[in-house]
Amino acid sequence: MNLSRNDTAQTLRRIVLFIIAFGVVGTVTELILIGHYQAPNQWPPLVLLGLTALGIVAMFGNPGPRTLRMFRLLMVLVAVSSLVGVYFHLQGNIAFKLETNPSLTGLPLLWKAVTSGTPVLAPGIMAQVGLLGLAVTFKHPNW
């Protein structure tokens, strides 16, 4: 079986979309299991991942330029949300550490905030999803 470059690229795009879908399902499941919906500021990752699921469905069809642009924009938002999530996780951990030990400052405070409480790097999954989604749109023939 001899695949052309376009066939190979399309196959790789579909594989990456499946990987993204797997990440979305796993992340949404995890967020629901840990109750990451109890406050309004916890909803954005769930909303963005829900939109990503819809975008994946659209991308599995025959995506036109509008679908590609919307998916790319969504993937940028998802990736940027990772940075916002890291900030909120770190901020929450710092606030909690200061409540329990107001004398903490500087690097000891930062170390305690990074190594305990809410996982600071957990929002990194959003960066992974977003960057993989952007890779799917890279040099797409319908762009």
Protein backbone atom coordinates (compact mmCIF):
# COMPACT_ATOMS: atom_id res chain seq x y z
CA MET A 1 0.00 0.00 0.00
CA ASN A 2 1.54 3.27 -1.11
CA LEU A 3 0.08 6.38 0.50
CA SER A 4 0.62 9.80 -1.01
CA ARG A 5 1.90 12.63 1.17
CA ASN A 6 -1.59 14.11 1.35
CA ASP A 7 -3.07 10.78 2.45
CA THR A 8 -0.35 10.38 5.08
CA ALA A 9 -0.87 13.91 6.39
CA GLN A 10 -4.63 13.37 6.56
CA THR A 11 -4.15 10.08 8.42
CA LEU A 12 -1.81 11.78 10.91
CA ARG A 13 -4.32 14.60 11.41
CA ARG A 14 -7.01 12.05 12.26
CA ILE A 15 -4.71 10.21 14.67
CA VAL A 16 -3.88 13.48 16.44
CA LEU A 17 -7.58 14.34 16.63
CA PHE A 18 -8.18 10.97 18.32
CA ILE A 19 -5.37 11.73 20.78
CA ILE A 20 -6.93 15.12 21.52
CA ALA A 21 -10.34 13.50 22.00
CA PHE A 22 -8.81 11.00 24.41
CA GLY A 23 -7.25 13.88 26.38
CA VAL A 24 -10.51 15.81 26.41
CA VAL A 25 -12.55 12.86 27.69
CA GLY A 26 -9.95 12.06 30.36
CA THR A 27 -9.60 15.65 31.50
CA VAL A 28 -13.35 16.32 31.64
CA THR A 29 -13.84 13.09 33.58
CA GLU A 30 -11.09 14.04 36.04
CA LEU A 31 -12.44 17.58 36.50
CA ILE A 32 -15.92 16.24 37.21
CA LEU A 33 -14.61 13.61 39.63
CA ILE A 34 -12.68 16.19 41.66
CA GLY A 35 -15.60 18.64 41.68
CA HIS A 36 -13.92 21.25 39.48
CA TYR A 37 -17.29 22.89 38.82
CA GLN A 38 -18.29 24.16 42.24
CA ALA A 39 -17.36 27.79 41.58
CA PRO A 40 -17.87 29.81 38.39
CA ASN A 41 -14.10 30.38 37.99
CA GLN A 42 -13.74 26.58 37.67
CA TRP A 43 -16.07 26.33 34.67
CA PRO A 44 -13.86 27.70 31.85
CA PRO A 45 -11.83 24.51 31.34
CA LEU A 46 -15.03 22.45 31.17
CA VAL A 47 -16.59 24.87 28.69
CA LEU A 48 -13.43 25.04 26.55
CA LEU A 49 -13.08 21.26 26.55
CA GLY A 50 -16.75 20.89 25.61
CA LEU A 51 -16.23 23.27 22.71
CA THR A 52 -13.10 21.33 21.78
CA ALA A 53 -15.17 18.14 21.59
CA LEU A 54 -17.55 19.87 19.19
CA GLY A 55 -14.60 21.20 17.21
CA ILE A 56 -13.16 17.70 16.91
CA VAL A 57 -16.45 16.45 15.50
CA ALA A 58 -16.41 19.28 12.95
CA MET A 59 -12.78 18.54 12.07
CA PHE A 60 -13.56 14.87 11.40
CA GLY A 61 -15.99 16.00 8.74
CA ASN A 62 -14.69 17.79 5.70
CA PRO A 63 -13.55 21.02 7.36
CA GLY A 64 -13.67 24.15 5.27
CA PRO A 65 -11.69 27.33 5.86
CA ARG A 66 -14.24 28.69 8.37
CA THR A 67 -14.14 25.50 10.46
CA LEU A 68 -10.35 25.52 10.39
CA ARG A 69 -10.20 29.17 11.50
CA MET A 70 -12.67 28.57 14.33
CA PHE A 71 -10.85 25.43 15.46
CA ARG A 72 -7.50 27.23 15.38
CA LEU A 73 -8.89 30.14 17.41
CA LEU A 74 -10.39 27.72 19.91
CA MET A 75 -7.08 25.88 20.23
CA VAL A 76 -5.26 29.17 20.94
CA LEU A 77 -7.82 29.93 23.67
CA VAL A 78 -7.43 26.44 25.12
CA ALA A 79 -3.63 26.77 25.17
CA VAL A 80 -3.73 30.23 26.76
CA SER A 81 -6.20 28.98 29.36
CA SER A 82 -3.42 26.70 30.58
CA LEU A 83 -1.40 29.73 31.70
CA VAL A 84 -4.45 31.23 33.37
CA GLY A 85 -5.10 27.94 35.18
CA VAL A 86 -1.51 27.71 36.43
CA TYR A 87 -1.84 31.26 37.75
CA PHE A 88 -5.11 30.54 39.58
CA HIS A 89 -3.82 27.28 41.04
CA LEU A 90 -0.63 28.96 42.26
CA GLN A 91 -2.52 31.98 43.59
CA GLY A 92 -4.93 29.73 45.52
CA ASN A 93 -2.10 27.69 47.00
CA ILE A 94 -0.23 30.83 48.07
CA ALA A 95 -3.35 32.23 49.73
CA PHE A 96 -3.94 28.94 51.58
CA LYS A 97 -0.32 28.71 52.74
CA LEU A 98 -0.44 32.28 54.00
CA GLU A 99 -3.62 31.50 55.96
CA THR A 100 -1.98 28.54 57.65
CA ASN A 101 1.43 30.19 58.09
CA PRO A 102 1.42 33.99 57.66
CA SER A 103 5.17 34.20 58.31
CA LEU A 104 6.04 32.42 55.04
CA THR A 105 7.57 34.68 52.38
CA GLY A 106 9.73 34.53 49.29
CA LEU A 107 11.08 31.23 48.01
CA PRO A 108 9.89 29.14 50.97
CA LEU A 109 6.33 30.37 50.32
CA LEU A 110 6.64 29.71 46.61
CA TRP A 111 8.08 26.23 47.23
CA LYS A 112 5.25 25.32 49.62
CA ALA A 113 2.68 26.67 47.12
CA VAL A 114 4.14 24.68 44.23
CA THR A 115 4.64 21.41 46.12
CA SER A 116 1.36 21.13 47.99
CA GLY A 117 -2.33 21.84 47.61
CA THR A 118 -3.89 22.18 44.18
CA PRO A 119 -1.58 20.75 41.49
CA VAL A 120 -0.07 23.86 39.91
CA LEU A 121 0.92 22.20 36.64
CA ALA A 122 -2.34 20.29 36.12
CA PRO A 123 -3.67 22.96 33.73
CA GLY A 124 -0.78 22.05 31.45
CA ILE A 125 -3.08 19.48 29.83
CA MET A 126 -4.91 22.45 28.28
CA ALA A 127 -1.66 23.58 26.63
CA GLN A 128 -1.13 20.07 25.29
CA VAL A 129 -4.65 19.90 23.86
CA GLY A 130 -4.36 23.37 22.32
CA LEU A 131 -0.95 22.80 20.77
CA LEU A 132 -1.95 19.43 19.33
CA GLY A 133 -5.07 21.07 17.90
CA LEU A 134 -2.94 23.76 16.27
CA ALA A 135 -0.72 21.02 14.81
CA VAL A 136 -3.80 19.47 13.19
CA THR A 137 -4.46 22.72 11.32
CA PHE A 138 -0.84 23.22 10.24
CA LYS A 139 -0.62 23.40 6.43
CA HIS A 140 -4.10 21.90 6.17
CA PRO A 141 -5.07 21.58 2.51
CA ASN A 142 -8.43 23.31 3.08
CA TRP A 143 -6.87 26.36 4.75
